Amino acid sequence: MRMALLSAILVLSGLLPDADPQEAQRFIGHWKLISYQQESTSGEVTEPFGKDPIGRISYDAGGHMSAQLMRNNRPKFSSSDPRRGTDAEIRGAFTEFAAYYGTYTVDERAGTVAHRIEAAWFPNWIGTVQVRHYKFSGNRLILRANLPAGPSVFVWERL
């Protein structure tokens, strides 16, 4: 009852303008990354961060979100100073990791959640809106995205 009232207040205040209070409430919490798959233009399905990626995505009742995901067991740099990594080490660390935070809104009719990016590991995303199609299945949240590298599917499990 408290969460429904809080969600209704957020919608009425404009913090979650397109959200149905009940649907938006389902996002609230912390989620563990189970899988990340991407389809190339030729139709090949790959796992960009390997078979056992790790990550978290979090949504709060105030309309804020954050996401971090990466390949599990990434190689360590030869130096203990991240600014002194080799070009190959830095490239690997950047391409096998993703993180961003910002605000979000849920559009139940469209079946989408929009992430409004305030800060990101990839500078080109800052100030953009990243739209994800969503579906809930038991204790899992499935997000589908049309990324430049191809359509992607992220499966998250509630913690």
Protein backbone atom coordinates (compact mmCIF):
# COMPACT_ATOMS: atom_id res chain seq x y z
CA MET A 1 0.00 0.00 0.00
CA ARG A 2 2.82 2.39 0.90
CA MET A 3 4.69 1.68 -2.36
CA ALA A 4 1.51 2.16 -4.43
CA LEU A 5 0.88 5.50 -2.70
CA LEU A 6 4.51 6.57 -3.22
CA SER A 7 4.35 5.57 -6.90
CA ALA A 8 1.08 7.48 -7.35
CA ILE A 9 2.66 10.58 -5.77
CA LEU A 10 5.66 10.27 -8.11
CA VAL A 11 3.40 10.01 -11.16
CA LEU A 12 1.29 12.97 -10.08
CA SER A 13 4.41 15.03 -9.36
CA GLY A 14 5.74 14.32 -12.84
CA LEU A 15 8.77 12.28 -11.76
CA LEU A 16 7.38 9.22 -13.54
CA PRO A 17 5.14 10.89 -16.13
CA ASP A 18 4.30 7.92 -18.36
CA ALA A 19 4.27 5.32 -15.64
CA ASP A 20 1.45 3.18 -14.39
CA PRO A 21 2.07 3.12 -10.62
CA GLN A 22 1.68 -0.67 -10.45
CA GLU A 23 3.94 -1.43 -13.42
CA ALA A 24 6.62 1.10 -12.47
CA GLN A 25 6.68 -0.37 -8.97
CA ARG A 26 7.78 -3.73 -10.36
CA PHE A 27 11.08 -2.17 -11.51
CA ILE A 28 12.04 -0.84 -8.08
CA GLY A 29 14.93 -2.75 -6.55
CA HIS A 30 18.21 -4.35 -7.50
CA TRP A 31 18.69 -6.86 -10.30
CA LYS A 32 21.58 -9.24 -11.10
CA LEU A 33 22.66 -9.80 -14.71
CA ILE A 34 22.01 -13.37 -15.85
CA SER A 35 22.78 -13.06 -19.57
CA TYR A 36 23.55 -10.59 -22.33
CA GLN A 37 23.13 -11.64 -25.96
CA GLN A 38 23.48 -9.65 -29.15
CA GLU A 39 22.41 -10.40 -32.72
CA SER A 40 24.58 -9.23 -35.61
CA THR A 41 23.17 -7.91 -38.88
CA SER A 42 23.84 -11.38 -40.36
CA GLY A 43 21.70 -12.99 -37.63
CA GLU A 44 24.57 -14.49 -35.61
CA VAL A 45 23.89 -14.46 -31.85
CA THR A 46 26.88 -13.73 -29.63
CA GLU A 47 27.54 -13.11 -25.94
CA PRO A 48 29.66 -9.92 -25.95
CA PHE A 49 30.59 -10.27 -22.28
CA GLY A 50 30.93 -14.07 -22.33
CA LYS A 51 28.73 -16.88 -21.03
CA ASP A 52 28.76 -15.67 -17.43
CA PRO A 53 28.67 -11.85 -17.43
CA ILE A 54 28.22 -10.01 -14.17
CA GLY A 55 26.31 -6.85 -13.45
CA ARG A 56 23.68 -4.98 -11.52
CA ILE A 57 20.88 -2.65 -12.51
CA SER A 58 18.97 -0.69 -9.88
CA TYR A 59 15.79 1.35 -10.00
CA ASP A 60 14.55 3.45 -7.07
CA ALA A 61 11.14 4.87 -6.23
CA GLY A 62 12.40 8.40 -6.94
CA GLY A 63 12.88 7.67 -10.64
CA HIS A 64 16.66 7.12 -10.54
CA MET A 65 18.53 4.17 -12.02
CA SER A 66 22.07 2.87 -12.49
CA ALA A 67 23.57 -0.03 -14.41
CA GLN A 68 26.98 -1.70 -14.43
CA LEU A 69 27.83 -4.81 -16.42
CA MET A 70 31.00 -6.51 -17.56
CA ARG A 71 32.72 -9.67 -18.68
CA ASN A 72 33.48 -11.90 -15.69
CA ASN A 73 37.16 -12.52 -14.89
CA ARG A 74 38.57 -9.70 -17.03
CA PRO A 75 42.38 -9.77 -17.19
CA LYS A 76 44.19 -7.53 -14.73
CA PHE A 77 46.50 -4.74 -15.87
CA SER A 78 50.23 -5.32 -15.54
CA SER A 79 50.41 -2.03 -13.57
CA SER A 80 48.52 -1.23 -10.38
CA ASP A 81 47.86 2.27 -11.80
CA PRO A 82 44.89 2.24 -14.23
CA ARG A 83 46.37 5.25 -16.07
CA ARG A 84 49.47 3.21 -16.92
CA GLY A 85 47.75 0.31 -18.65
CA THR A 86 48.89 -0.70 -22.09
CA ASP A 87 46.72 0.27 -25.06
CA ALA A 88 45.50 -3.34 -25.29
CA GLU A 89 44.68 -3.47 -21.55
CA ILE A 90 42.78 -0.19 -21.68
CA ARG A 91 40.89 -1.21 -24.84
CA GLY A 92 39.90 -4.54 -23.27
CA ALA A 93 38.80 -2.88 -20.04
CA PHE A 94 36.67 -0.36 -21.95
CA THR A 95 35.05 -2.76 -24.43
CA GLU A 96 34.22 -5.43 -21.84
CA PHE A 97 32.52 -3.08 -19.39
CA ALA A 98 29.50 -0.76 -19.46
CA ALA A 99 28.13 1.58 -16.81
CA TYR A 100 25.76 4.50 -16.65
CA TYR A 101 23.24 6.22 -14.42
CA GLY A 102 20.39 8.67 -14.70
CA THR A 103 16.64 8.74 -14.40
CA TYR A 104 13.97 6.49 -15.84
CA THR A 105 10.32 6.45 -16.86
CA VAL A 106 8.09 3.50 -17.64
CA ASP A 107 5.57 3.52 -20.48
CA GLU A 108 3.37 0.50 -19.84
CA ARG A 109 1.34 0.93 -23.04
CA ALA A 110 4.49 0.83 -25.18
CA GLY A 111 6.15 -1.76 -22.93
CA THR A 112 9.26 0.41 -22.61
CA VAL A 113 11.49 1.87 -19.95
CA ALA A 114 13.44 4.98 -20.94
CA HIS A 115 16.84 5.55 -19.31
CA ARG A 116 17.81 9.24 -19.43
CA ILE A 117 21.59 9.13 -19.18
CA GLU A 118 23.34 11.66 -16.91
CA ALA A 119 26.78 9.98 -16.81
CA ALA A 120 28.25 6.99 -18.65
CA TRP A 121 31.45 5.09 -19.39
CA PHE A 122 30.74 5.89 -23.07
CA PRO A 123 30.70 9.71 -23.39
CA ASN A 124 28.40 9.66 -26.44
CA TRP A 125 25.54 8.34 -24.27
CA ILE A 126 25.59 11.29 -21.86
CA GLY A 127 22.44 13.35 -22.38
CA THR A 128 20.73 10.67 -24.47
CA VAL A 129 17.64 8.58 -23.80
CA GLN A 130 18.20 4.83 -24.10
CA VAL A 131 14.89 3.03 -24.62
CA ARG A 132 14.50 -0.60 -23.61
CA HIS A 133 11.51 -2.84 -24.28
CA TYR A 134 10.74 -4.77 -21.12
CA LYS A 135 8.99 -7.92 -20.02
CA PHE A 136 8.68 -9.45 -16.56
CA SER A 137 8.85 -13.23 -16.23
CA GLY A 138 8.63 -14.46 -12.64
CA ASN A 139 11.53 -12.87 -10.77
CA ARG A 140 13.25 -11.85 -14.01
CA LEU A 141 13.30 -8.62 -15.98
CA ILE A 142 14.08 -8.96 -19.68
CA LEU A 143 15.26 -5.81 -21.44
CA ARG A 144 15.59 -5.60 -25.23
CA ALA A 145 17.60 -2.82 -26.85
CA ASN A 146 18.42 -1.80 -30.39
CA LEU A 147 22.10 -0.99 -29.99
CA PRO A 148 24.41 0.13 -32.83
CA ALA A 149 26.12 -3.29 -32.80
CA GLY A 150 22.75 -5.03 -33.15
CA PRO A 151 19.62 -6.00 -31.22
CA SER A 152 20.50 -7.01 -27.65
CA VAL A 153 18.73 -8.91 -24.89
CA PHE A 154 19.61 -8.51 -21.21
CA VAL A 155 18.13 -10.89 -18.65
CA TRP A 156 18.17 -9.64 -15.05
CA GLU A 157 17.11 -11.50 -11.90
CA ARG A 158 15.74 -9.71 -8.83
CA LEU A 159 18.09 -9.78 -5.83
